């Protein structure tokens, strides 16, 4: 953690959200919370074990309160906004959604409509675009119909998602996600950032 803080400070960077997997272990969740606070972020976001948001919800909420954190569950397998909201459970100020627009597209949802419906629960946003989803399973993201691309070059209406968030009064952070398995993503990430800046300004 000390070395991470040194590097972050040296480059003038802040941690908008700490990407995590919350295990079904209260002690390990506590360690993750301590790490997040030490790195200077107030949001932890990602997936979790099946009981974390159900039988372990109260201990999780106690830890989030203790460290003044928010957990944003990141949608991946859910195929409807209803399923996502059921996964999140009752609305509170400590557990929300780290929206992943790319997985909305992979699961066949209209991402803009889903963003509008989910907006009240969104605490962080992972902007991602994908090429046309393909049916199938396999070891790679492409096999799962999740081949990412620059924002605006795929089938996900990312610009509309951003506009829906702004209409809803969202003031949180945006993370540009692009994870190709066969080339350097950085030129396309730069393109994505330029497009996002235009969408946010207009």
Protein backbone atom coordinates (compact mmCIF):
# COMPACT_ATOMS: atom_id res chain seq x y z
CA UNK A 1 0.00 0.00 0.00
CA UNK A 2 2.84 2.38 0.85
CA UNK A 3 4.47 1.80 -2.54
CA UNK A 4 1.13 2.20 -4.33
CA UNK A 5 0.57 5.54 -2.56
CA UNK A 6 4.07 6.67 -3.49
CA UNK A 7 3.48 5.90 -7.17
CA UNK A 8 0.02 7.47 -7.21
CA UNK A 9 1.35 10.65 -5.61
CA UNK A 10 4.36 10.75 -7.93
CA UNK A 11 2.09 10.70 -10.97
CA UNK A 12 -0.66 12.92 -9.54
CA UNK A 13 -3.23 10.14 -9.69
CA UNK A 14 -6.24 9.39 -7.50
CA UNK A 15 -8.10 6.10 -7.16
CA UNK A 16 -11.67 6.70 -8.32
CA UNK A 17 -12.77 3.18 -7.44
CA UNK A 18 -10.94 0.07 -6.24
CA UNK A 19 -11.83 -2.96 -8.38
CA UNK A 20 -12.43 -5.95 -6.13
CA UNK A 21 -14.03 -9.35 -5.72
CA UNK A 22 -15.73 -9.51 -2.33
CA UNK A 23 -15.35 -13.03 -0.93
CA UNK A 24 -17.75 -14.71 1.45
CA UNK A 25 -15.41 -13.97 4.34
CA UNK A 26 -16.02 -11.05 6.69
CA UNK A 27 -12.37 -10.82 7.72
CA UNK A 28 -11.18 -10.63 4.11
CA UNK A 29 -13.81 -8.01 3.30
CA UNK A 30 -12.45 -5.99 6.22
CA UNK A 31 -8.96 -6.15 4.71
CA UNK A 32 -10.29 -4.90 1.37
CA UNK A 33 -12.04 -2.01 3.13
CA UNK A 34 -8.85 -1.03 4.94
CA UNK A 35 -6.92 -1.15 1.66
CA UNK A 36 -9.49 1.06 -0.08
CA UNK A 37 -9.29 3.73 2.61
CA UNK A 38 -5.49 3.57 2.64
CA UNK A 39 -5.48 4.17 -1.12
CA UNK A 40 -7.75 7.19 -0.68
CA UNK A 41 -10.90 5.97 -2.41
CA UNK A 42 -14.46 5.86 -1.11
CA UNK A 43 -15.78 3.31 -3.61
CA UNK A 44 -15.07 -0.39 -3.97
CA UNK A 45 -16.65 -1.97 -7.01
CA UNK A 46 -16.87 -5.39 -8.59
CA UNK A 47 -18.36 -8.81 -8.11
CA UNK A 48 -18.99 -10.81 -4.97
CA UNK A 49 -19.72 -14.25 -3.63
CA UNK A 50 -23.38 -15.31 -3.74
CA UNK A 51 -24.07 -14.74 -0.04
CA UNK A 52 -22.32 -11.35 0.30
CA UNK A 53 -25.43 -9.30 -0.55
CA UNK A 54 -27.81 -11.64 1.29
CA UNK A 55 -26.76 -13.43 4.49
CA UNK A 56 -23.55 -11.39 4.85
CA UNK A 57 -25.24 -8.08 4.01
CA UNK A 58 -25.39 -6.77 7.58
CA UNK A 59 -21.69 -7.42 8.35
CA UNK A 60 -20.84 -5.86 4.97
CA UNK A 61 -22.91 -2.75 5.78
CA UNK A 62 -21.21 -2.47 9.17
CA UNK A 63 -17.77 -2.55 7.53
CA UNK A 64 -18.80 -0.05 4.86
CA UNK A 65 -20.08 2.27 7.60
CA UNK A 66 -16.94 1.82 9.67
CA UNK A 67 -14.66 2.76 6.76
CA UNK A 68 -17.10 5.23 5.15
CA UNK A 69 -17.19 3.30 1.87
CA UNK A 70 -19.70 2.44 -0.83
CA UNK A 71 -19.81 -0.94 -2.59
CA UNK A 72 -20.85 -0.88 -6.23
CA UNK A 73 -21.89 -4.31 -7.49
CA UNK A 74 -20.82 -4.71 -11.13
CA UNK A 75 -23.41 -6.30 -13.41
CA UNK A 76 -22.16 -9.15 -15.61
CA UNK A 77 -24.44 -12.20 -15.90
CA UNK A 78 -27.78 -10.48 -15.26
CA UNK A 79 -30.11 -10.38 -18.27
CA UNK A 80 -32.60 -7.73 -17.09
CA UNK A 81 -32.74 -4.61 -14.95
CA UNK A 82 -35.10 -6.47 -12.65
CA UNK A 83 -32.48 -9.16 -12.09
CA UNK A 84 -29.84 -6.51 -11.36
CA UNK A 85 -32.08 -4.73 -8.85
CA UNK A 86 -32.96 -8.03 -7.17
CA UNK A 87 -29.24 -8.77 -6.85
CA UNK A 88 -28.62 -5.35 -5.23
CA UNK A 89 -31.38 -5.85 -2.67
CA UNK A 90 -33.02 -3.03 -0.71
CA UNK A 91 -31.92 0.50 -1.52
CA UNK A 92 -29.50 2.04 0.98
CA UNK A 93 -26.64 4.54 0.91
CA UNK A 94 -23.82 1.97 1.10
CA UNK A 95 -24.64 -0.60 -1.61
CA UNK A 96 -25.30 0.41 -5.19
CA UNK A 97 -24.43 -0.45 -8.77
CA UNK A 98 -21.14 -0.09 -10.62
CA UNK A 99 -22.81 -0.05 -14.03
CA UNK A 100 -21.02 -1.91 -16.84
CA UNK A 101 -22.54 -0.82 -20.16
CA UNK A 102 -20.67 -3.47 -22.15
CA UNK A 103 -22.18 -6.36 -20.22
CA UNK A 104 -25.63 -4.84 -20.68
CA UNK A 105 -24.96 -5.13 -24.43
CA UNK A 106 -23.59 -8.66 -24.21
CA UNK A 107 -26.69 -9.77 -22.31
CA UNK A 108 -28.96 -8.26 -24.97
CA UNK A 109 -30.34 -5.30 -23.02
CA UNK A 110 -30.97 -1.84 -24.44
CA UNK A 111 -28.19 -0.17 -22.46
CA UNK A 112 -29.67 3.33 -22.62
CA UNK A 113 -33.06 2.21 -21.32
CA UNK A 114 -31.40 0.07 -18.65
CA UNK A 115 -29.22 3.01 -17.58
CA UNK A 116 -32.31 5.19 -17.17
CA UNK A 117 -34.07 2.53 -15.08
CA UNK A 118 -31.02 1.82 -12.93
CA UNK A 119 -29.82 5.42 -12.51
CA UNK A 120 -31.02 5.87 -8.90
CA UNK A 121 -28.81 2.97 -7.76
CA UNK A 122 -25.67 3.79 -9.78
CA UNK A 123 -22.59 4.78 -7.76
CA UNK A 124 -19.92 4.36 -10.45
CA UNK A 125 -19.87 3.74 -14.20
CA UNK A 126 -17.73 1.42 -16.31
CA UNK A 127 -18.21 2.66 -19.87
CA UNK A 128 -17.60 -0.15 -22.32
CA UNK A 129 -18.60 -0.85 -25.91
CA UNK A 130 -18.62 -4.20 -27.68
CA UNK A 131 -18.80 -5.57 -31.19
CA UNK A 132 -22.01 -7.46 -31.95
CA UNK A 133 -22.53 -10.08 -29.24
CA UNK A 134 -22.18 -13.66 -30.40
CA UNK A 135 -23.76 -16.69 -28.84
CA UNK A 136 -21.37 -19.16 -27.36
CA UNK A 137 -19.18 -19.94 -24.40
CA UNK A 138 -15.49 -20.36 -24.05
CA UNK A 139 -12.35 -19.25 -22.30
CA UNK A 140 -12.02 -15.85 -23.97
CA UNK A 141 -14.20 -12.75 -23.74
CA UNK A 142 -14.70 -12.89 -27.51
CA UNK A 143 -16.08 -16.42 -27.16
CA UNK A 144 -18.58 -15.05 -24.63
CA UNK A 145 -19.77 -12.33 -27.02
CA UNK A 146 -17.86 -9.66 -25.13
CA UNK A 147 -15.28 -8.38 -27.61
CA UNK A 148 -14.67 -4.77 -26.61
CA UNK A 149 -13.85 -1.79 -28.83
CA UNK A 150 -13.50 2.00 -28.65
CA UNK A 151 -16.55 3.76 -27.24
CA UNK A 152 -18.89 4.54 -30.11
CA UNK A 153 -17.51 1.90 -32.47
CA UNK A 154 -19.70 -0.96 -31.29
CA UNK A 155 -23.36 -1.81 -30.71
CA UNK A 156 -23.80 -0.31 -27.25
CA UNK A 157 -25.40 3.19 -27.32
CA UNK A 158 -22.75 4.55 -24.96
CA UNK A 159 -23.37 8.22 -25.78
CA UNK A 160 -27.06 7.76 -24.95
CA UNK A 161 -26.10 6.05 -21.68
CA UNK A 162 -23.97 9.07 -20.73
CA UNK A 163 -26.83 11.43 -21.59
CA UNK A 164 -29.27 9.38 -19.49
CA UNK A 165 -26.88 9.57 -16.54
CA UNK A 166 -26.50 13.33 -16.86
CA UNK A 167 -30.28 13.75 -17.12
CA UNK A 168 -30.64 11.74 -13.92
CA UNK A 169 -28.19 14.03 -12.13
CA UNK A 170 -25.31 11.55 -11.92
CA UNK A 171 -22.14 13.31 -10.73
CA UNK A 172 -19.92 10.29 -10.06
CA UNK A 173 -16.91 8.97 -11.94
CA UNK A 174 -16.53 7.25 -15.27
CA UNK A 175 -14.08 4.46 -16.04
CA UNK A 176 -13.29 3.68 -19.67
CA UNK A 177 -12.96 -0.09 -20.05
CA UNK A 178 -11.44 -1.75 -23.09
CA UNK A 179 -9.89 -5.21 -22.79
CA UNK A 180 -8.86 -6.67 -26.15
CA UNK A 181 -6.90 -9.89 -25.93
CA UNK A 182 -4.91 -9.45 -29.15
CA UNK A 183 -3.64 -5.84 -29.24
CA UNK A 184 -2.68 -2.79 -27.19
CA UNK A 185 -5.91 -0.99 -26.20
CA UNK A 186 -4.35 2.42 -25.50
CA UNK A 187 -4.88 4.17 -28.88
CA UNK A 188 -8.58 3.22 -28.73
CA UNK A 189 -8.77 4.28 -25.07
CA UNK A 190 -7.45 7.71 -26.08
CA UNK A 191 -10.14 7.90 -28.79
CA UNK A 192 -12.76 6.85 -26.24
CA UNK A 193 -11.65 9.55 -23.80
CA UNK A 194 -11.89 12.26 -26.47
CA UNK A 195 -15.41 11.11 -27.36
CA UNK A 196 -16.47 10.97 -23.72
CA UNK A 197 -15.21 14.51 -23.15
CA UNK A 198 -17.32 15.73 -26.09
CA UNK A 199 -20.42 13.91 -24.80
CA UNK A 200 -19.97 15.41 -21.35
CA UNK A 201 -19.57 18.93 -22.72
CA UNK A 202 -22.57 18.88 -25.10
